[in-house]
Amino acid sequence: MVLNNKEINRLKKKYKDSLKEMEHYDNTFEKLWGRERVDLTLDKKVIVKLKKIKEKTGKPMSRIVEEAIIKI
């Protein structure tokens, strides 16, 4: 299958994030996909708020924190 420049550019745009992750892995051998456990120290008020959001949404606290960081 031969791809023209238009198709190549479309695929580059569509898979831009994946290509960046693979390039990072080629350079550093560090995977940017998957999940990794880390320790965080949070204010007790924030933890209480996270627990309330967790009960309301049914999402784990780690996902709530992750989504909030991604929005930044």
C-alpha atoms as a PDB file:
ATOM      1  CA  MET A   1       0.000   0.000   0.000  1.00  0.00           C
ATOM      2  CA  VAL A   2       1.462   3.316  -1.088  1.00  0.00           C
ATOM      3  CA  LEU A   3       0.433   6.399   0.860  1.00  0.00           C
ATOM      4  CA  ASN A   4       0.362   9.882  -0.585  1.00  0.00           C
ATOM      5  CA  ASN A   5       1.470  12.949   1.392  1.00  0.00           C
ATOM      6  CA  LYS A   6      -2.113  13.890   2.257  1.00  0.00           C
ATOM      7  CA  GLU A   7      -2.755  10.483   3.835  1.00  0.00           C
ATOM      8  CA  ILE A   8       0.590  10.525   5.672  1.00  0.00           C
ATOM      9  CA  ASN A   9      -0.173  13.968   7.150  1.00  0.00           C
ATOM     10  CA  ARG A  10      -3.655  12.818   8.184  1.00  0.00           C
ATOM     11  CA  LEU A  11      -2.196   9.811  10.007  1.00  0.00           C
ATOM     12  CA  LYS A  12       0.494  11.952  11.663  1.00  0.00           C
ATOM     13  CA  LYS A  13      -2.167  14.326  12.953  1.00  0.00           C
ATOM     14  CA  LYS A  14      -4.483  11.524  14.105  1.00  0.00           C
ATOM     15  CA  TYR A  15      -1.764   9.619  15.991  1.00  0.00           C
ATOM     16  CA  LYS A  16       0.311  12.625  17.092  1.00  0.00           C
ATOM     17  CA  ASP A  17       0.238  11.755  20.816  1.00  0.00           C
ATOM     18  CA  SER A  18       1.077   8.094  20.241  1.00  0.00           C
ATOM     19  CA  LEU A  19       3.973   9.005  17.979  1.00  0.00           C
ATOM     20  CA  LYS A  20       5.357  11.400  20.621  1.00  0.00           C
ATOM     21  CA  GLU A  21       5.114   8.665  23.287  1.00  0.00           C
ATOM     22  CA  MET A  22       6.929   6.161  21.075  1.00  0.00           C
ATOM     23  CA  GLU A  23       9.629   8.714  20.216  1.00  0.00           C
ATOM     24  CA  HIS A  24      10.122   9.429  23.933  1.00  0.00           C
ATOM     25  CA  TYR A  25      10.434   5.691  24.573  1.00  0.00           C
ATOM     26  CA  ASP A  26      13.000   5.319  21.755  1.00  0.00           C
ATOM     27  CA  ASN A  27      15.120   8.092  23.302  1.00  0.00           C
ATOM     28  CA  THR A  28      14.782   7.234  27.014  1.00  0.00           C
ATOM     29  CA  PHE A  29      13.393   3.656  27.268  1.00  0.00           C
ATOM     30  CA  GLU A  30      10.777   5.143  29.628  1.00  0.00           C
ATOM     31  CA  LYS A  31       7.157   4.225  28.908  1.00  0.00           C
ATOM     32  CA  LEU A  32       4.645   7.067  29.029  1.00  0.00           C
ATOM     33  CA  TRP A  33       1.668   4.734  28.790  1.00  0.00           C
ATOM     34  CA  GLY A  34       0.216   2.662  31.583  1.00  0.00           C
ATOM     35  CA  ARG A  35      -0.069   3.617  35.208  1.00  0.00           C
ATOM     36  CA  GLU A  36       2.442   4.038  38.028  1.00  0.00           C
ATOM     37  CA  ARG A  37       1.912   4.338  41.752  1.00  0.00           C
ATOM     38  CA  VAL A  38       3.248   7.488  43.477  1.00  0.00           C
ATOM     39  CA  ASP A  39       2.954   8.886  46.993  1.00  0.00           C
ATOM     40  CA  LEU A  40       1.370  12.302  47.457  1.00  0.00           C
ATOM     41  CA  THR A  41       0.912  14.395  50.565  1.00  0.00           C
ATOM     42  CA  LEU A  42      -2.382  16.281  50.534  1.00  0.00           C
ATOM     43  CA  ASP A  43      -4.133  18.591  52.964  1.00  0.00           C
ATOM     44  CA  LYS A  44      -6.756  16.766  55.047  1.00  0.00           C
ATOM     45  CA  LYS A  45      -9.468  19.089  53.750  1.00  0.00           C
ATOM     46  CA  VAL A  46      -8.560  18.119  50.189  1.00  0.00           C
ATOM     47  CA  ILE A  47      -8.726  14.423  51.088  1.00  0.00           C
ATOM     48  CA  VAL A  48     -12.200  14.874  52.598  1.00  0.00           C
ATOM     49  CA  LYS A  49     -13.318  16.698  49.448  1.00  0.00           C
ATOM     50  CA  LEU A  50     -11.842  13.935  47.262  1.00  0.00           C
ATOM     51  CA  LYS A  51     -13.717  11.295  49.252  1.00  0.00           C
ATOM     52  CA  LYS A  52     -16.998  13.190  48.780  1.00  0.00           C
ATOM     53  CA  ILE A  53     -16.387  13.455  45.027  1.00  0.00           C
ATOM     54  CA  LYS A  54     -15.491   9.753  44.964  1.00  0.00           C
ATOM     55  CA  GLU A  55     -18.781   8.820  46.645  1.00  0.00           C
ATOM     56  CA  LYS A  56     -20.739  11.105  44.331  1.00  0.00           C
ATOM     57  CA  THR A  57     -19.115   9.991  41.061  1.00  0.00           C
ATOM     58  CA  GLY A  58     -17.983   6.457  41.843  1.00  0.00           C
ATOM     59  CA  LYS A  59     -14.519   7.235  40.458  1.00  0.00           C
ATOM     60  CA  PRO A  60     -11.361   6.335  42.373  1.00  0.00           C
ATOM     61  CA  MET A  61      -9.582   9.282  43.974  1.00  0.00           C
ATOM     62  CA  SER A  62      -6.549   8.713  41.759  1.00  0.00           C
ATOM     63  CA  ARG A  63      -8.679   9.208  38.632  1.00  0.00           C
ATOM     64  CA  ILE A  64     -10.202  12.392  40.056  1.00  0.00           C
ATOM     65  CA  VAL A  65      -6.724  13.816  40.748  1.00  0.00           C
ATOM     66  CA  GLU A  66      -5.481  12.660  37.345  1.00  0.00           C
ATOM     67  CA  GLU A  67      -8.366  14.347  35.506  1.00  0.00           C
ATOM     68  CA  ALA A  68      -7.857  17.569  37.465  1.00  0.00           C
ATOM     69  CA  ILE A  69      -4.158  17.657  36.598  1.00  0.00           C
ATOM     70  CA  ILE A  70      -4.848  16.966  32.923  1.00  0.00           C
ATOM     71  CA  LYS A  71      -7.217  19.981  32.815  1.00  0.00           C
ATOM     72  CA  ILE A  72      -4.397  22.292  33.968  1.00  0.00           C
END
